[in-house]
């Protein structure tokens, strides 16, 4: 599916135009434009056409964060009587970790400072979380006292809760959904940290519940970013908070 736009030709093509299809008559010609906004050029079909425009990396970062968060939160809720989250290691390292760091690097190339900080940061979080459960690193084996391990994990979660809270403050004029995701994940981190410090199972379950909600909210926001008028019959609202 493609659209077209009209171009006025003068003595020659304007600066930055390819000049494809120029007739030199000063009339109006049509140039086809792809849904991504790129001029369609068939003058040299044997050569690939390279575009400098980057894809939107935010849906990748949000989807990988949301999916990994949901899986971990289901384990925190004790779903299907699973108490050991070791199966999460691969997902945390590659989907939650690598994909988010990739999204963060793409945000950097696009000039988005917040996206760079958030996605690369949470990619590092998921990688560091996965490493905890890899025996080769000896992290869990280093703690012979269970309470000491719980306190260490609690401090680890508090640090990430602080990071998430500070990022949340940077989203007050972004969108309702994005602000909700970060506020929810902030609460999730602090609830899970409190459960490690106190050993309270109810607080731990609450952290798992808020994690599931935040994960689905992140995936909703990701899908909203993927839907366009060219690919979907409707668009998902996210609640724009940007200044008008």
C-alpha atoms as a PDB file:
ATOM      1  CA  UNK A   1       0.000   0.000   0.000  1.00  0.00           C
ATOM      2  CA  UNK A   2       1.510   3.339  -0.962  1.00  0.00           C
ATOM      3  CA  UNK A   3       0.458   6.941  -1.172  1.00  0.00           C
ATOM      4  CA  UNK A   4       1.703   9.721  -3.377  1.00  0.00           C
ATOM      5  CA  UNK A   5       2.536  13.370  -3.081  1.00  0.00           C
ATOM      6  CA  UNK A   6       2.731  16.112  -5.703  1.00  0.00           C
ATOM      7  CA  UNK A   7       6.004  17.817  -6.530  1.00  0.00           C
ATOM      8  CA  UNK A   8       6.493  21.029  -8.455  1.00  0.00           C
ATOM      9  CA  UNK A   9       9.445  20.917 -10.825  1.00  0.00           C
ATOM     10  CA  UNK A  10      11.413  23.957 -11.906  1.00  0.00           C
ATOM     11  CA  UNK A  11      14.711  24.108 -13.738  1.00  0.00           C
ATOM     12  CA  UNK A  12      15.916  21.013 -11.922  1.00  0.00           C
ATOM     13  CA  UNK A  13      15.436  18.920  -8.811  1.00  0.00           C
ATOM     14  CA  UNK A  14      15.573  20.664  -5.461  1.00  0.00           C
ATOM     15  CA  UNK A  15      18.424  20.053  -3.066  1.00  0.00           C
ATOM     16  CA  UNK A  16      17.979  16.721  -1.329  1.00  0.00           C
ATOM     17  CA  UNK A  17      15.706  15.287  -4.059  1.00  0.00           C
ATOM     18  CA  UNK A  18      16.798  12.394  -6.184  1.00  0.00           C
ATOM     19  CA  UNK A  19      15.401  13.922  -9.351  1.00  0.00           C
ATOM     20  CA  UNK A  20      13.822  10.601 -10.299  1.00  0.00           C
ATOM     21  CA  UNK A  21      11.144  11.081 -12.924  1.00  0.00           C
ATOM     22  CA  UNK A  22      12.005  14.746 -13.604  1.00  0.00           C
ATOM     23  CA  UNK A  23      10.595  15.891 -16.937  1.00  0.00           C
ATOM     24  CA  UNK A  24      11.940  19.457 -17.104  1.00  0.00           C
ATOM     25  CA  UNK A  25       8.566  20.952 -18.048  1.00  0.00           C
ATOM     26  CA  UNK A  26       7.831  22.849 -14.847  1.00  0.00           C
ATOM     27  CA  UNK A  27       4.644  20.808 -14.356  1.00  0.00           C
ATOM     28  CA  UNK A  28       3.429  18.726 -11.457  1.00  0.00           C
ATOM     29  CA  UNK A  29       4.490  15.106 -11.251  1.00  0.00           C
ATOM     30  CA  UNK A  30       3.642  12.429  -8.711  1.00  0.00           C
ATOM     31  CA  UNK A  31       6.140  10.608  -6.513  1.00  0.00           C
ATOM     32  CA  UNK A  32       5.039   7.486  -4.665  1.00  0.00           C
ATOM     33  CA  UNK A  33       5.751   7.361  -0.946  1.00  0.00           C
ATOM     34  CA  UNK A  34       5.822   4.185   1.134  1.00  0.00           C
ATOM     35  CA  UNK A  35       3.808   3.943   4.403  1.00  0.00           C
ATOM     36  CA  UNK A  36       7.079   4.590   6.239  1.00  0.00           C
ATOM     37  CA  UNK A  37       7.428   7.965   4.513  1.00  0.00           C
ATOM     38  CA  UNK A  38      10.236   7.080   2.114  1.00  0.00           C
ATOM     39  CA  UNK A  39      10.157   8.081  -1.590  1.00  0.00           C
ATOM     40  CA  UNK A  40       9.845   5.033  -3.812  1.00  0.00           C
ATOM     41  CA  UNK A  41      12.708   4.959  -6.314  1.00  0.00           C
ATOM     42  CA  UNK A  42      12.785   2.383  -9.108  1.00  0.00           C
ATOM     43  CA  UNK A  43      15.354   4.086 -11.336  1.00  0.00           C
ATOM     44  CA  UNK A  44      18.035   1.524 -10.454  1.00  0.00           C
ATOM     45  CA  UNK A  45      16.230  -1.685  -9.470  1.00  0.00           C
ATOM     46  CA  UNK A  46      19.462  -3.678  -9.287  1.00  0.00           C
ATOM     47  CA  UNK A  47      20.700  -1.633  -6.330  1.00  0.00           C
ATOM     48  CA  UNK A  48      19.124  -1.685  -2.849  1.00  0.00           C
ATOM     49  CA  UNK A  49      17.698   1.581  -1.544  1.00  0.00           C
ATOM     50  CA  UNK A  50      19.053   2.477   1.880  1.00  0.00           C
ATOM     51  CA  UNK A  51      17.149   4.834   4.192  1.00  0.00           C
ATOM     52  CA  UNK A  52      18.493   6.718   7.183  1.00  0.00           C
ATOM     53  CA  UNK A  53      15.195   6.695   9.073  1.00  0.00           C
ATOM     54  CA  UNK A  54      15.247   4.419  12.148  1.00  0.00           C
ATOM     55  CA  UNK A  55      12.377   2.252  13.304  1.00  0.00           C
ATOM     56  CA  UNK A  56      10.713   3.122  16.618  1.00  0.00           C
ATOM     57  CA  UNK A  57      12.636   1.078  19.234  1.00  0.00           C
ATOM     58  CA  UNK A  58      10.286   1.840  22.149  1.00  0.00           C
ATOM     59  CA  UNK A  59       7.841  -1.046  21.455  1.00  0.00           C
ATOM     60  CA  UNK A  60      10.736  -3.535  21.531  1.00  0.00           C
ATOM     61  CA  UNK A  61      11.966  -2.196  24.858  1.00  0.00           C
ATOM     62  CA  UNK A  62       8.512  -2.056  26.424  1.00  0.00           C
ATOM     63  CA  UNK A  63       7.444  -5.474  25.121  1.00  0.00           C
ATOM     64  CA  UNK A  64      10.590  -7.235  26.338  1.00  0.00           C
ATOM     65  CA  UNK A  65      10.363  -5.496  29.711  1.00  0.00           C
ATOM     66  CA  UNK A  66       6.667  -6.292  30.078  1.00  0.00           C
ATOM     67  CA  UNK A  67       6.959  -9.938  29.070  1.00  0.00           C
ATOM     68  CA  UNK A  68       9.890 -10.653  31.378  1.00  0.00           C
ATOM     69  CA  UNK A  69       8.245  -8.784  34.255  1.00  0.00           C
ATOM     70  CA  UNK A  70       5.036 -10.785  33.883  1.00  0.00           C
ATOM     71  CA  UNK A  71       6.931 -14.086  33.953  1.00  0.00           C
ATOM     72  CA  UNK A  72       8.901 -13.165  37.083  1.00  0.00           C
ATOM     73  CA  UNK A  73       5.780 -11.818  38.786  1.00  0.00           C
ATOM     74  CA  UNK A  74       3.903 -15.053  38.122  1.00  0.00           C
ATOM     75  CA  UNK A  75       6.724 -16.885  39.880  1.00  0.00           C
ATOM     76  CA  UNK A  76       6.495 -14.412  42.776  1.00  0.00           C
ATOM     77  CA  UNK A  77       2.792 -15.224  43.031  1.00  0.00           C
ATOM     78  CA  UNK A  78       3.602 -18.925  43.276  1.00  0.00           C
ATOM     79  CA  UNK A  79       1.689 -19.758  40.097  1.00  0.00           C
ATOM     80  CA  UNK A  80       1.449 -23.529  39.529  1.00  0.00           C
ATOM     81  CA  UNK A  81       3.386 -24.028  42.787  1.00  0.00           C
ATOM     82  CA  UNK A  82       6.653 -22.879  41.175  1.00  0.00           C
ATOM     83  CA  UNK A  83       9.050 -21.594  43.828  1.00  0.00           C
ATOM     84  CA  UNK A  84      12.379 -21.551  41.917  1.00  0.00           C
ATOM     85  CA  UNK A  85      12.620 -18.939  39.132  1.00  0.00           C
ATOM     86  CA  UNK A  86      15.704 -20.496  37.475  1.00  0.00           C
ATOM     87  CA  UNK A  87      13.836 -21.049  34.200  1.00  0.00           C
ATOM     88  CA  UNK A  88      13.621 -17.254  34.001  1.00  0.00           C
ATOM     89  CA  UNK A  89      17.402 -16.940  33.551  1.00  0.00           C
ATOM     90  CA  UNK A  90      17.388 -17.325  29.762  1.00  0.00           C
ATOM     91  CA  UNK A  91      14.456 -14.944  29.342  1.00  0.00           C
ATOM     92  CA  UNK A  92      16.055 -12.384  31.664  1.00  0.00           C
ATOM     93  CA  UNK A  93      19.408 -12.482  29.880  1.00  0.00           C
ATOM     94  CA  UNK A  94      18.191 -12.382  26.295  1.00  0.00           C
ATOM     95  CA  UNK A  95      14.640 -11.018  26.071  1.00  0.00           C
ATOM     96  CA  UNK A  96      14.657  -8.745  29.093  1.00  0.00           C
ATOM     97  CA  UNK A  97      18.381  -7.995  28.935  1.00  0.00           C
ATOM     98  CA  UNK A  98      19.772  -8.071  25.416  1.00  0.00           C
ATOM     99  CA  UNK A  99      16.612  -6.820  23.670  1.00  0.00           C
ATOM    100  CA  UNK A 100      16.271  -3.857  26.011  1.00  0.00           C
ATOM    101  CA  UNK A 101      19.916  -2.884  25.669  1.00  0.00           C
ATOM    102  CA  UNK A 102      19.467  -3.108  21.902  1.00  0.00           C
ATOM    103  CA  UNK A 103      16.390  -0.867  22.164  1.00  0.00           C
ATOM    104  CA  UNK A 104      18.349   1.561  24.340  1.00  0.00           C
ATOM    105  CA  UNK A 105      21.162   1.776  21.777  1.00  0.00           C
ATOM    106  CA  UNK A 106      18.596   2.447  19.056  1.00  0.00           C
ATOM    107  CA  UNK A 107      17.023   5.176  21.205  1.00  0.00           C
ATOM    108  CA  UNK A 108      20.476   6.723  21.539  1.00  0.00           C
ATOM    109  CA  UNK A 109      20.835   6.738  17.746  1.00  0.00           C
ATOM    110  CA  UNK A 110      17.395   8.387  17.516  1.00  0.00           C
ATOM    111  CA  UNK A 111      18.418  11.077  20.018  1.00  0.00           C
ATOM    112  CA  UNK A 112      16.068  10.007  22.838  1.00  0.00           C
ATOM    113  CA  UNK A 113      17.964  10.457  26.110  1.00  0.00           C
ATOM    114  CA  UNK A 114      15.200   9.057  28.322  1.00  0.00           C
ATOM    115  CA  UNK A 115      14.730   5.937  26.208  1.00  0.00           C
ATOM    116  CA  UNK A 116      18.480   5.363  26.205  1.00  0.00           C
ATOM    117  CA  UNK A 117      18.716   5.646  29.985  1.00  0.00           C
ATOM    118  CA  UNK A 118      15.615   3.578  30.729  1.00  0.00           C
ATOM    119  CA  UNK A 119      16.016   0.689  28.285  1.00  0.00           C
ATOM    120  CA  UNK A 120      19.758   0.175  28.708  1.00  0.00           C
ATOM    121  CA  UNK A 121      19.325   0.480  32.479  1.00  0.00           C
ATOM    122  CA  UNK A 122      16.565  -2.121  32.707  1.00  0.00           C
ATOM    123  CA  UNK A 123      18.423  -4.330  30.247  1.00  0.00           C
ATOM    124  CA  UNK A 124      21.331  -4.275  32.702  1.00  0.00           C
ATOM    125  CA  UNK A 125      18.887  -4.991  35.545  1.00  0.00           C
ATOM    126  CA  UNK A 126      17.555  -8.125  33.893  1.00  0.00           C
ATOM    127  CA  UNK A 127      21.035  -9.346  33.003  1.00  0.00           C
ATOM    128  CA  UNK A 128      22.241  -8.793  36.565  1.00  0.00           C
ATOM    129  CA  UNK A 129      19.142 -10.556  37.900  1.00  0.00           C
ATOM    130  CA  UNK A 130      19.738 -13.559  35.653  1.00  0.00           C
ATOM    131  CA  UNK A 131      23.381 -13.746  36.708  1.00  0.00           C
ATOM    132  CA  UNK A 132      22.317 -14.163  40.360  1.00  0.00           C
ATOM    133  CA  UNK A 133      20.823 -17.571  39.524  1.00  0.00           C
ATOM    134  CA  UNK A 134      23.750 -18.839  37.416  1.00  0.00           C
ATOM    135  CA  UNK A 135      25.803 -21.162  39.690  1.00  0.00           C
ATOM    136  CA  UNK A 136      29.074 -20.350  37.897  1.00  0.00           C
ATOM    137  CA  UNK A 137      29.046 -16.844  39.402  1.00  0.00           C
ATOM    138  CA  UNK A 138      28.617 -18.259  42.916  1.00  0.00           C
ATOM    139  CA  UNK A 139      26.416 -15.392  44.116  1.00  0.00           C
ATOM    140  CA  UNK A 140      23.781 -17.418  45.960  1.00  0.00           C
ATOM    141  CA  UNK A 141      26.389 -19.856  47.320  1.00  0.00           C
ATOM    142  CA  UNK A 142      28.334 -16.952  48.840  1.00  0.00           C
ATOM    143  CA  UNK A 143      25.533 -16.334  51.362  1.00  0.00           C
ATOM    144  CA  UNK A 144      25.385 -19.092  53.959  1.00  0.00           C
ATOM    145  CA  UNK A 145      22.941 -17.113  56.103  1.00  0.00           C
ATOM    146  CA  UNK A 146      19.468 -16.903  54.516  1.00  0.00           C
ATOM    147  CA  UNK A 147      18.640 -13.621  56.253  1.00  0.00           C
ATOM    148  CA  UNK A 148      21.856 -12.063  54.970  1.00  0.00           C
ATOM    149  CA  UNK A 149      20.897 -13.121  51.440  1.00  0.00           C
ATOM    150  CA  UNK A 150      17.407 -11.682  51.922  1.00  0.00           C
ATOM    151  CA  UNK A 151      18.856  -8.380  53.151  1.00  0.00           C
ATOM    152  CA  UNK A 152      21.235  -8.232  50.191  1.00  0.00           C
ATOM    153  CA  UNK A 153      18.407  -8.873  47.724  1.00  0.00           C
ATOM    154  CA  UNK A 154      16.316  -6.268  49.541  1.00  0.00           C
ATOM    155  CA  UNK A 155      18.999  -3.612  49.101  1.00  0.00           C
ATOM    156  CA  UNK A 156      19.378  -4.647  45.465  1.00  0.00           C
ATOM    157  CA  UNK A 157      15.648  -4.108  44.895  1.00  0.00           C
ATOM    158  CA  UNK A 158      15.630  -0.810  46.813  1.00  0.00           C
ATOM    159  CA  UNK A 159      18.345   0.541  44.528  1.00  0.00           C
ATOM    160  CA  UNK A 160      16.299  -0.317  41.440  1.00  0.00           C
ATOM    161  CA  UNK A 161      13.202   1.124  43.072  1.00  0.00           C
ATOM    162  CA  UNK A 162      15.010   4.442  43.528  1.00  0.00           C
ATOM    163  CA  UNK A 163      16.184   4.401  39.900  1.00  0.00           C
ATOM    164  CA  UNK A 164      12.646   3.709  38.694  1.00  0.00           C
ATOM    165  CA  UNK A 165      11.184   6.444  40.902  1.00  0.00           C
ATOM    166  CA  UNK A 166      13.618   9.008  39.482  1.00  0.00           C
ATOM    167  CA  UNK A 167      12.738   7.936  35.944  1.00  0.00           C
ATOM    168  CA  UNK A 168       9.051   8.267  36.825  1.00  0.00           C
ATOM    169  CA  UNK A 169       9.589  11.931  37.703  1.00  0.00           C
ATOM    170  CA  UNK A 170      10.777  12.483  34.132  1.00  0.00           C
ATOM    171  CA  UNK A 171       7.476  11.214  32.689  1.00  0.00           C
ATOM    172  CA  UNK A 172       4.960  13.565  34.290  1.00  0.00           C
ATOM    173  CA  UNK A 173       4.182  15.155  30.913  1.00  0.00           C
ATOM    174  CA  UNK A 174       4.527  12.102  28.662  1.00  0.00           C
ATOM    175  CA  UNK A 175       1.474   9.821  28.607  1.00  0.00           C
ATOM    176  CA  UNK A 176      -0.868   8.296  31.172  1.00  0.00           C
ATOM    177  CA  UNK A 177       0.105   4.724  30.280  1.00  0.00           C
ATOM    178  CA  UNK A 178       3.862   5.286  30.354  1.00  0.00           C
ATOM    179  CA  UNK A 179       3.598   7.165  33.645  1.00  0.00           C
ATOM    180  CA  UNK A 180       1.434   4.364  35.063  1.00  0.00           C
ATOM    181  CA  UNK A 181       3.951   1.692  34.014  1.00  0.00           C
ATOM    182  CA  UNK A 182       6.861   3.356  35.789  1.00  0.00           C
ATOM    183  CA  UNK A 183       4.842   4.280  38.884  1.00  0.00           C
ATOM    184  CA  UNK A 184       3.570   0.703  39.147  1.00  0.00           C
ATOM    185  CA  UNK A 185       7.048  -0.796  38.724  1.00  0.00           C
ATOM    186  CA  UNK A 186       8.395   1.603  41.363  1.00  0.00           C
ATOM    187  CA  UNK A 187       5.828   0.274  43.819  1.00  0.00           C
ATOM    188  CA  UNK A 188       6.622  -3.290  42.757  1.00  0.00           C
ATOM    189  CA  UNK A 189      10.325  -2.896  43.531  1.00  0.00           C
ATOM    190  CA  UNK A 190       9.691  -1.434  46.971  1.00  0.00           C
ATOM    191  CA  UNK A 191       7.095  -4.077  47.865  1.00  0.00           C
ATOM    192  CA  UNK A 192       9.449  -6.889  46.873  1.00  0.00           C
ATOM    193  CA  UNK A 193      12.267  -5.224  48.817  1.00  0.00           C
ATOM    194  CA  UNK A 194      10.047  -4.961  51.899  1.00  0.00           C
ATOM    195  CA  UNK A 195       9.137  -8.633  51.590  1.00  0.00           C
ATOM    196  CA  UNK A 196      12.836  -9.572  51.540  1.00  0.00           C
ATOM    197  CA  UNK A 197      13.567  -7.486  54.642  1.00  0.00           C
ATOM    198  CA  UNK A 198      10.550  -8.702  56.631  1.00  0.00           C
ATOM    199  CA  UNK A 199       9.878 -12.141  55.170  1.00  0.00           C
ATOM    200  CA  UNK A 200       6.192 -11.192  54.881  1.00  0.00           C
ATOM    201  CA  UNK A 201       4.565 -13.496  52.333  1.00  0.00           C
ATOM    202  CA  UNK A 202       1.540 -11.211  51.837  1.00  0.00           C
ATOM    203  CA  UNK A 203       3.768  -8.286  50.865  1.00  0.00           C
ATOM    204  CA  UNK A 204       5.664 -10.590  48.498  1.00  0.00           C
ATOM    205  CA  UNK A 205       2.395 -11.616  46.836  1.00  0.00           C
ATOM    206  CA  UNK A 206       1.372  -7.958  46.548  1.00  0.00           C
ATOM    207  CA  UNK A 207       4.651  -7.216  44.781  1.00  0.00           C
ATOM    208  CA  UNK A 208       3.959 -10.060  42.375  1.00  0.00           C
ATOM    209  CA  UNK A 209       0.453  -8.773  41.694  1.00  0.00           C
ATOM    210  CA  UNK A 210       1.595  -5.228  40.960  1.00  0.00           C
ATOM    211  CA  UNK A 211       4.342  -6.670  38.771  1.00  0.00           C
ATOM    212  CA  UNK A 212       1.809  -8.510  36.612  1.00  0.00           C
ATOM    213  CA  UNK A 213      -0.249  -5.324  36.257  1.00  0.00           C
ATOM    214  CA  UNK A 214       2.810  -3.262  35.337  1.00  0.00           C
ATOM    215  CA  UNK A 215       3.993  -5.883  32.856  1.00  0.00           C
ATOM    216  CA  UNK A 216       0.676  -5.961  31.021  1.00  0.00           C
ATOM    217  CA  UNK A 217       0.551  -2.145  31.048  1.00  0.00           C
ATOM    218  CA  UNK A 218       4.016  -2.051  29.441  1.00  0.00           C
ATOM    219  CA  UNK A 219       2.923  -4.515  26.750  1.00  0.00           C
ATOM    220  CA  UNK A 220      -0.247  -2.480  26.122  1.00  0.00           C
ATOM    221  CA  UNK A 221       1.882   0.628  25.629  1.00  0.00           C
ATOM    222  CA  UNK A 222       4.175  -1.302  23.291  1.00  0.00           C
ATOM    223  CA  UNK A 223       1.255  -2.482  21.143  1.00  0.00           C
ATOM    224  CA  UNK A 224      -0.096   1.080  21.068  1.00  0.00           C
ATOM    225  CA  UNK A 225       3.242   2.165  19.629  1.00  0.00           C
ATOM    226  CA  UNK A 226       3.144  -0.546  16.960  1.00  0.00           C
ATOM    227  CA  UNK A 227      -0.371   0.184  15.751  1.00  0.00           C
ATOM    228  CA  UNK A 228      -0.616   2.721  12.936  1.00  0.00           C
ATOM    229  CA  UNK A 229      -3.362   3.791  10.576  1.00  0.00           C
ATOM    230  CA  UNK A 230      -1.673   1.685   7.881  1.00  0.00           C
ATOM    231  CA  UNK A 231      -1.599  -1.573   9.865  1.00  0.00           C
ATOM    232  CA  UNK A 232      -4.600  -1.554  12.213  1.00  0.00           C
ATOM    233  CA  UNK A 233      -8.309  -0.765  12.114  1.00  0.00           C
ATOM    234  CA  UNK A 234      -8.092   1.190  15.370  1.00  0.00           C
ATOM    235  CA  UNK A 235      -5.479   2.819  17.601  1.00  0.00           C
ATOM    236  CA  UNK A 236      -5.015   2.197  21.320  1.00  0.00           C
ATOM    237  CA  UNK A 237      -5.267   5.321  23.507  1.00  0.00           C
ATOM    238  CA  UNK A 238      -2.361   6.053  25.842  1.00  0.00           C
ATOM    239  CA  UNK A 239      -3.533   9.369  27.330  1.00  0.00           C
ATOM    240  CA  UNK A 240      -1.304  12.094  25.942  1.00  0.00           C
ATOM    241  CA  UNK A 241       0.005  14.392  28.697  1.00  0.00           C
ATOM    242  CA  UNK A 242       2.358  16.435  26.538  1.00  0.00           C
ATOM    243  CA  UNK A 243       1.882  20.223  26.599  1.00  0.00           C
ATOM    244  CA  UNK A 244      -0.430  21.433  23.845  1.00  0.00           C
END
